[in-house]
Amino acid sequence: MRITVEPAPALYIALQKELEAMGKGDRTKEVLRKAIRETAKETKERIHSETKATYTIKTASFKKTDIKVTNPSRGSTGALIEIEGSPLGIRKSYQNKKNGKRKGASAMVKVDGGMKELIIMSGNKQYKAFVATMKTGHEGIFQRVPGERMKKRPGREKIREIMSMSRAKAAEIVYRDKIKADVKEELSYRIHRHMNAVIYGKR
């Protein structure tokens, strides 16, 4: 996921005109860089906290350091927020329960979603998920794949690990639904705050 934090052209022009009218047009980019840095930092914090509040993703799978912020340089007027990551195994990264004698393994991806048994139907056959440890030592929640046979053991169906969304995808959904609409307003507020500080000499 990549997010660019930068002012709309109209806001940039308005800021420049306001500072030029006060004889301080040379400080336009300084004001912008400060406002953008602060907004990017605040956005990073919100993305992390809101994602953790929405999904049961474990701390080890989504740390604040997984969100990279590239602040504006002297020649730019935008910051870049990046989050990378492949799909995550349910067992390692989301809240889950082992399978029992009667029920398959269960998982809860969304905080308000509840714990659900991981089961699929194919024809009249149920395929319940189960916790297993591979020869490599990797532990995960796995499930048989209906209709797909193992090469070495054609009498048995293949096994696949059950994966869930990556931290990048979870963060993207949270950003879109809960944060995106506020970023422009936050940036505008901080630009005006720093502009007034320059004009009135508050700092």
C-alpha atoms as a PDB file:
ATOM      1  CA  MET A   1       0.000   0.000   0.000  1.00  0.00           C
ATOM      2  CA  ARG A   2       1.267   3.456  -0.923  1.00  0.00           C
ATOM      3  CA  ILE A   3      -0.239   6.746   0.291  1.00  0.00           C
ATOM      4  CA  THR A   4       0.949  10.170  -0.796  1.00  0.00           C
ATOM      5  CA  VAL A   5       0.413  13.068   1.604  1.00  0.00           C
ATOM      6  CA  GLU A   6       0.555  16.336  -0.339  1.00  0.00           C
ATOM      7  CA  PRO A   7      -1.512  19.511  -0.649  1.00  0.00           C
ATOM      8  CA  ALA A   8      -3.964  20.129  -3.470  1.00  0.00           C
ATOM      9  CA  PRO A   9      -2.580  22.642  -6.021  1.00  0.00           C
ATOM     10  CA  ALA A  10      -5.171  25.239  -4.959  1.00  0.00           C
ATOM     11  CA  LEU A  11      -4.058  25.017  -1.328  1.00  0.00           C
ATOM     12  CA  TYR A  12      -0.399  25.338  -2.299  1.00  0.00           C
ATOM     13  CA  ILE A  13      -1.118  28.426  -4.431  1.00  0.00           C
ATOM     14  CA  ALA A  14      -3.225  30.033  -1.689  1.00  0.00           C
ATOM     15  CA  LEU A  15      -0.446  29.466   0.863  1.00  0.00           C
ATOM     16  CA  GLN A  16       2.177  30.918  -1.440  1.00  0.00           C
ATOM     17  CA  LYS A  17       0.098  34.024  -2.188  1.00  0.00           C
ATOM     18  CA  GLU A  18      -0.630  34.592   1.501  1.00  0.00           C
ATOM     19  CA  LEU A  19       3.032  34.400   2.474  1.00  0.00           C
ATOM     20  CA  GLU A  20       4.152  36.511  -0.474  1.00  0.00           C
ATOM     21  CA  ALA A  21       1.670  39.204   0.520  1.00  0.00           C
ATOM     22  CA  MET A  22       3.376  39.315   3.917  1.00  0.00           C
ATOM     23  CA  GLY A  23       6.842  39.394   2.363  1.00  0.00           C
ATOM     24  CA  LYS A  24       7.604  35.826   3.424  1.00  0.00           C
ATOM     25  CA  GLY A  25       7.074  33.887   0.206  1.00  0.00           C
ATOM     26  CA  ASP A  26      10.500  32.254   0.543  1.00  0.00           C
ATOM     27  CA  ARG A  27       9.200  30.248   3.508  1.00  0.00           C
ATOM     28  CA  THR A  28       6.388  28.531   1.607  1.00  0.00           C
ATOM     29  CA  LYS A  29       8.157  25.173   1.267  1.00  0.00           C
ATOM     30  CA  GLU A  30       9.317  25.296   4.886  1.00  0.00           C
ATOM     31  CA  VAL A  31       5.697  25.611   6.020  1.00  0.00           C
ATOM     32  CA  LEU A  32       4.631  22.821   3.689  1.00  0.00           C
ATOM     33  CA  ARG A  33       7.369  20.416   4.780  1.00  0.00           C
ATOM     34  CA  LYS A  34       6.541  20.894   8.472  1.00  0.00           C
ATOM     35  CA  ALA A  35       2.804  20.405   7.891  1.00  0.00           C
ATOM     36  CA  ILE A  36       3.316  17.376   5.663  1.00  0.00           C
ATOM     37  CA  ARG A  37       5.756  15.701   8.092  1.00  0.00           C
ATOM     38  CA  GLU A  38       3.322  16.120  10.974  1.00  0.00           C
ATOM     39  CA  THR A  39       0.350  14.900   8.935  1.00  0.00           C
ATOM     40  CA  ALA A  40       2.258  11.859   7.665  1.00  0.00           C
ATOM     41  CA  LYS A  41       3.324  10.978  11.208  1.00  0.00           C
ATOM     42  CA  GLU A  42      -0.223  11.342  12.523  1.00  0.00           C
ATOM     43  CA  THR A  43      -1.565   9.269   9.607  1.00  0.00           C
ATOM     44  CA  LYS A  44       0.970   6.511  10.301  1.00  0.00           C
ATOM     45  CA  GLU A  45      -0.081   6.377  13.962  1.00  0.00           C
ATOM     46  CA  ARG A  46      -3.754   6.221  13.033  1.00  0.00           C
ATOM     47  CA  ILE A  47      -3.259   3.522  10.411  1.00  0.00           C
ATOM     48  CA  HIS A  48      -1.500   1.312  12.936  1.00  0.00           C
ATOM     49  CA  SER A  49      -3.882   1.883  15.848  1.00  0.00           C
ATOM     50  CA  GLU A  50      -7.070   1.661  13.748  1.00  0.00           C
ATOM     51  CA  THR A  51      -5.911  -1.516  12.011  1.00  0.00           C
ATOM     52  CA  LYS A  52      -5.112  -3.127  15.362  1.00  0.00           C
ATOM     53  CA  ALA A  53      -8.527  -2.053  16.660  1.00  0.00           C
ATOM     54  CA  THR A  54     -10.343  -3.461  13.618  1.00  0.00           C
ATOM     55  CA  TYR A  55      -8.497  -6.741  13.067  1.00  0.00           C
ATOM     56  CA  THR A  56      -7.091  -9.340  15.462  1.00  0.00           C
ATOM     57  CA  ILE A  57      -3.730  -9.166  13.705  1.00  0.00           C
ATOM     58  CA  LYS A  58      -0.995  -9.930  16.223  1.00  0.00           C
ATOM     59  CA  THR A  59       1.660  -7.422  17.260  1.00  0.00           C
ATOM     60  CA  ALA A  60       4.475  -9.558  15.866  1.00  0.00           C
ATOM     61  CA  SER A  61       2.820  -9.456  12.430  1.00  0.00           C
ATOM     62  CA  PHE A  62       2.128  -5.722  12.326  1.00  0.00           C
ATOM     63  CA  LYS A  63       4.453  -3.308  14.090  1.00  0.00           C
ATOM     64  CA  LYS A  64       4.674   0.446  13.709  1.00  0.00           C
ATOM     65  CA  THR A  65       8.065  -0.079  12.101  1.00  0.00           C
ATOM     66  CA  ASP A  66       6.306  -1.947   9.271  1.00  0.00           C
ATOM     67  CA  ILE A  67       4.902   1.413   8.166  1.00  0.00           C
ATOM     68  CA  LYS A  68       7.587   3.349   6.309  1.00  0.00           C
ATOM     69  CA  VAL A  69       7.345   7.124   5.928  1.00  0.00           C
ATOM     70  CA  THR A  70       9.469   9.048   3.434  1.00  0.00           C
ATOM     71  CA  ASN A  71       9.264  12.695   4.420  1.00  0.00           C
ATOM     72  CA  PRO A  72       9.406  15.526   1.871  1.00  0.00           C
ATOM     73  CA  SER A  73      12.868  16.659   0.847  1.00  0.00           C
ATOM     74  CA  ARG A  74      13.825  20.215  -0.008  1.00  0.00           C
ATOM     75  CA  GLY A  75      12.816  19.650  -3.605  1.00  0.00           C
ATOM     76  CA  SER A  76       9.474  17.957  -2.974  1.00  0.00           C
ATOM     77  CA  THR A  77       6.097  18.831  -1.478  1.00  0.00           C
ATOM     78  CA  GLY A  78       4.836  15.382  -0.547  1.00  0.00           C
ATOM     79  CA  ALA A  79       5.425  12.504   1.875  1.00  0.00           C
ATOM     80  CA  LEU A  80       5.043   8.825   1.048  1.00  0.00           C
ATOM     81  CA  ILE A  81       3.617   6.215   3.427  1.00  0.00           C
ATOM     82  CA  GLU A  82       4.283   2.587   2.462  1.00  0.00           C
ATOM     83  CA  ILE A  83       3.243  -0.763   3.908  1.00  0.00           C
ATOM     84  CA  GLU A  84       4.313  -4.024   2.330  1.00  0.00           C
ATOM     85  CA  GLY A  85       3.638  -7.654   3.083  1.00  0.00           C
ATOM     86  CA  SER A  86       2.393 -10.941   1.695  1.00  0.00           C
ATOM     87  CA  PRO A  87      -0.754 -12.778   2.874  1.00  0.00           C
ATOM     88  CA  LEU A  88      -0.376 -13.979   6.461  1.00  0.00           C
ATOM     89  CA  GLY A  89      -0.952 -17.433   7.903  1.00  0.00           C
ATOM     90  CA  ILE A  90      -3.978 -17.507  10.196  1.00  0.00           C
ATOM     91  CA  ARG A  91      -2.204 -19.511  12.894  1.00  0.00           C
ATOM     92  CA  LYS A  92       0.721 -17.147  13.297  1.00  0.00           C
ATOM     93  CA  SER A  93      -0.899 -13.800  12.672  1.00  0.00           C
ATOM     94  CA  TYR A  94      -4.582 -13.740  13.674  1.00  0.00           C
ATOM     95  CA  GLN A  95      -6.573 -14.892  16.670  1.00  0.00           C
ATOM     96  CA  ASN A  96      -7.396 -18.591  16.358  1.00  0.00           C
ATOM     97  CA  LYS A  97      -8.152 -21.852  18.158  1.00  0.00           C
ATOM     98  CA  LYS A  98      -6.871 -25.356  17.537  1.00  0.00           C
ATOM     99  CA  ASN A  99      -9.168 -28.049  16.223  1.00  0.00           C
ATOM    100  CA  GLY A 100     -10.795 -30.450  18.654  1.00  0.00           C
ATOM    101  CA  LYS A 101     -12.211 -33.965  18.309  1.00  0.00           C
ATOM    102  CA  ARG A 102     -15.444 -32.736  16.765  1.00  0.00           C
ATOM    103  CA  LYS A 103     -14.748 -29.227  15.517  1.00  0.00           C
ATOM    104  CA  GLY A 104     -12.181 -27.963  13.074  1.00  0.00           C
ATOM    105  CA  ALA A 105      -9.766 -25.140  13.822  1.00  0.00           C
ATOM    106  CA  SER A 106     -11.402 -21.731  14.238  1.00  0.00           C
ATOM    107  CA  ALA A 107     -10.276 -18.163  13.602  1.00  0.00           C
ATOM    108  CA  MET A 108     -11.385 -14.592  14.176  1.00  0.00           C
ATOM    109  CA  VAL A 109      -9.934 -12.086  11.719  1.00  0.00           C
ATOM    110  CA  LYS A 110     -12.085  -9.042  12.514  1.00  0.00           C
ATOM    111  CA  VAL A 111     -12.424  -7.967  16.136  1.00  0.00           C
ATOM    112  CA  ASP A 112     -16.213  -7.744  15.833  1.00  0.00           C
ATOM    113  CA  GLY A 113     -16.523 -10.859  13.677  1.00  0.00           C
ATOM    114  CA  GLY A 114     -16.513 -13.623  16.262  1.00  0.00           C
ATOM    115  CA  MET A 115     -14.637 -16.924  16.243  1.00  0.00           C
ATOM    116  CA  LYS A 116     -15.675 -19.084  13.273  1.00  0.00           C
ATOM    117  CA  GLU A 117     -14.906 -22.683  12.444  1.00  0.00           C
ATOM    118  CA  LEU A 118     -12.847 -22.959   9.247  1.00  0.00           C
ATOM    119  CA  ILE A 119     -14.749 -25.444   7.151  1.00  0.00           C
ATOM    120  CA  ILE A 120     -15.639 -25.851   3.477  1.00  0.00           C
ATOM    121  CA  MET A 121     -18.108 -28.162   1.769  1.00  0.00           C
ATOM    122  CA  SER A 122     -17.515 -30.073  -1.469  1.00  0.00           C
ATOM    123  CA  GLY A 123     -20.406 -32.235  -2.535  1.00  0.00           C
ATOM    124  CA  ASN A 124     -21.535 -33.953   0.639  1.00  0.00           C
ATOM    125  CA  LYS A 125     -18.081 -33.910   2.204  1.00  0.00           C
ATOM    126  CA  GLN A 126     -16.853 -31.546   4.906  1.00  0.00           C
ATOM    127  CA  TYR A 127     -13.270 -30.326   4.950  1.00  0.00           C
ATOM    128  CA  LYS A 128     -12.360 -29.100   8.417  1.00  0.00           C
ATOM    129  CA  ALA A 129      -9.249 -27.079   9.109  1.00  0.00           C
ATOM    130  CA  PHE A 130      -6.597 -28.420  11.451  1.00  0.00           C
ATOM    131  CA  VAL A 131      -3.411 -27.261  13.139  1.00  0.00           C
ATOM    132  CA  ALA A 132      -0.275 -29.090  12.007  1.00  0.00           C
ATOM    133  CA  THR A 133       3.486 -28.672  12.096  1.00  0.00           C
ATOM    134  CA  MET A 134       5.426 -29.236   8.892  1.00  0.00           C
ATOM    135  CA  LYS A 135       8.794 -31.005   8.676  1.00  0.00           C
ATOM    136  CA  THR A 136      10.415 -27.562   8.501  1.00  0.00           C
ATOM    137  CA  GLY A 137       9.016 -26.778  11.962  1.00  0.00           C
ATOM    138  CA  HIS A 138       6.458 -24.315  10.591  1.00  0.00           C
ATOM    139  CA  GLU A 139       3.118 -24.514  12.407  1.00  0.00           C
ATOM    140  CA  GLY A 140      -0.015 -23.433  10.628  1.00  0.00           C
ATOM    141  CA  ILE A 141      -3.698 -24.072  10.103  1.00  0.00           C
ATOM    142  CA  PHE A 142      -4.199 -26.339   7.111  1.00  0.00           C
ATOM    143  CA  GLN A 143      -7.039 -27.818   5.088  1.00  0.00           C
ATOM    144  CA  ARG A 144      -7.462 -30.526   2.464  1.00  0.00           C
ATOM    145  CA  VAL A 145      -8.057 -29.259  -1.098  1.00  0.00           C
ATOM    146  CA  PRO A 146     -11.130 -30.901  -2.643  1.00  0.00           C
ATOM    147  CA  GLY A 147     -10.347 -32.743  -5.863  1.00  0.00           C
ATOM    148  CA  GLU A 148      -6.595 -32.046  -5.911  1.00  0.00           C
ATOM    149  CA  ARG A 149      -4.372 -35.064  -5.330  1.00  0.00           C
ATOM    150  CA  MET A 150      -0.883 -35.326  -3.904  1.00  0.00           C
ATOM    151  CA  LYS A 151       1.796 -36.326  -6.422  1.00  0.00           C
ATOM    152  CA  LYS A 152       3.550 -38.755  -4.089  1.00  0.00           C
ATOM    153  CA  ARG A 153       0.342 -40.004  -2.487  1.00  0.00           C
ATOM    154  CA  PRO A 154      -2.367 -39.827  -5.182  1.00  0.00           C
ATOM    155  CA  GLY A 155      -4.827 -41.552  -2.906  1.00  0.00           C
ATOM    156  CA  ARG A 156      -4.945 -38.457  -0.679  1.00  0.00           C
ATOM    157  CA  GLU A 157      -5.942 -34.878  -1.382  1.00  0.00           C
ATOM    158  CA  LYS A 158      -3.448 -32.022  -1.208  1.00  0.00           C
ATOM    159  CA  ILE A 159      -3.049 -29.916   1.901  1.00  0.00           C
ATOM    160  CA  ARG A 160      -2.823 -26.121   1.849  1.00  0.00           C
ATOM    161  CA  GLU A 161      -2.228 -23.583   4.574  1.00  0.00           C
ATOM    162  CA  ILE A 162      -5.094 -21.196   5.227  1.00  0.00           C
ATOM    163  CA  MET A 163      -3.956 -17.627   4.715  1.00  0.00           C
ATOM    164  CA  SER A 164      -5.587 -14.312   5.493  1.00  0.00           C
ATOM    165  CA  MET A 165      -5.060 -10.764   4.312  1.00  0.00           C
ATOM    166  CA  SER A 166      -1.638  -9.161   4.539  1.00  0.00           C
ATOM    167  CA  ARG A 167      -1.002  -6.274   6.919  1.00  0.00           C
ATOM    168  CA  ALA A 168      -0.849  -4.024   3.837  1.00  0.00           C
ATOM    169  CA  LYS A 169      -4.340  -5.050   2.717  1.00  0.00           C
ATOM    170  CA  ALA A 170      -5.799  -4.744   6.206  1.00  0.00           C
ATOM    171  CA  ALA A 171      -4.265  -1.278   6.561  1.00  0.00           C
ATOM    172  CA  GLU A 172      -5.482  -0.273   3.104  1.00  0.00           C
ATOM    173  CA  ILE A 173      -9.087  -1.130   3.972  1.00  0.00           C
ATOM    174  CA  VAL A 174      -8.889   0.711   7.294  1.00  0.00           C
ATOM    175  CA  TYR A 175      -7.288   3.760   5.657  1.00  0.00           C
ATOM    176  CA  ARG A 176      -9.955   3.894   2.958  1.00  0.00           C
ATOM    177  CA  ASP A 177     -12.888   3.417   5.354  1.00  0.00           C
ATOM    178  CA  LYS A 178     -11.785   5.364   8.436  1.00  0.00           C
ATOM    179  CA  ILE A 179      -8.868   7.697   7.756  1.00  0.00           C
ATOM    180  CA  LYS A 180      -8.607   8.915   4.165  1.00  0.00           C
ATOM    181  CA  ALA A 181     -11.377  11.501   4.417  1.00  0.00           C
ATOM    182  CA  ASP A 182      -9.619  13.179   7.373  1.00  0.00           C
ATOM    183  CA  VAL A 183      -6.118  13.507   5.881  1.00  0.00           C
ATOM    184  CA  LYS A 184      -6.791  16.544   3.661  1.00  0.00           C
ATOM    185  CA  GLU A 185      -8.509  18.358   6.532  1.00  0.00           C
ATOM    186  CA  GLU A 186      -5.621  17.517   8.874  1.00  0.00           C
ATOM    187  CA  LEU A 187      -3.043  18.738   6.359  1.00  0.00           C
ATOM    188  CA  SER A 188      -4.960  21.959   5.726  1.00  0.00           C
ATOM    189  CA  TYR A 189      -5.161  22.641   9.476  1.00  0.00           C
ATOM    190  CA  ARG A 190      -1.419  22.109   9.957  1.00  0.00           C
ATOM    191  CA  ILE A 191      -0.517  24.249   6.941  1.00  0.00           C
ATOM    192  CA  HIS A 192      -2.556  27.150   8.294  1.00  0.00           C
ATOM    193  CA  ARG A 193      -1.087  26.650  11.763  1.00  0.00           C
ATOM    194  CA  HIS A 194       2.494  26.868  10.501  1.00  0.00           C
ATOM    195  CA  MET A 195       1.642  29.704   8.105  1.00  0.00           C
ATOM    196  CA  ASN A 196       0.249  31.778  10.969  1.00  0.00           C
ATOM    197  CA  ALA A 197       3.341  30.998  13.054  1.00  0.00           C
ATOM    198  CA  VAL A 198       5.515  32.410  10.255  1.00  0.00           C
ATOM    199  CA  ILE A 199       3.322  35.457   9.652  1.00  0.00           C
ATOM    200  CA  TYR A 200       2.803  36.423  13.270  1.00  0.00           C
ATOM    201  CA  GLY A 201       6.172  35.295  14.536  1.00  0.00           C
ATOM    202  CA  LYS A 202       4.888  32.900  17.163  1.00  0.00           C
ATOM    203  CA  ARG A 203       7.937  30.742  16.585  1.00  0.00           C
END
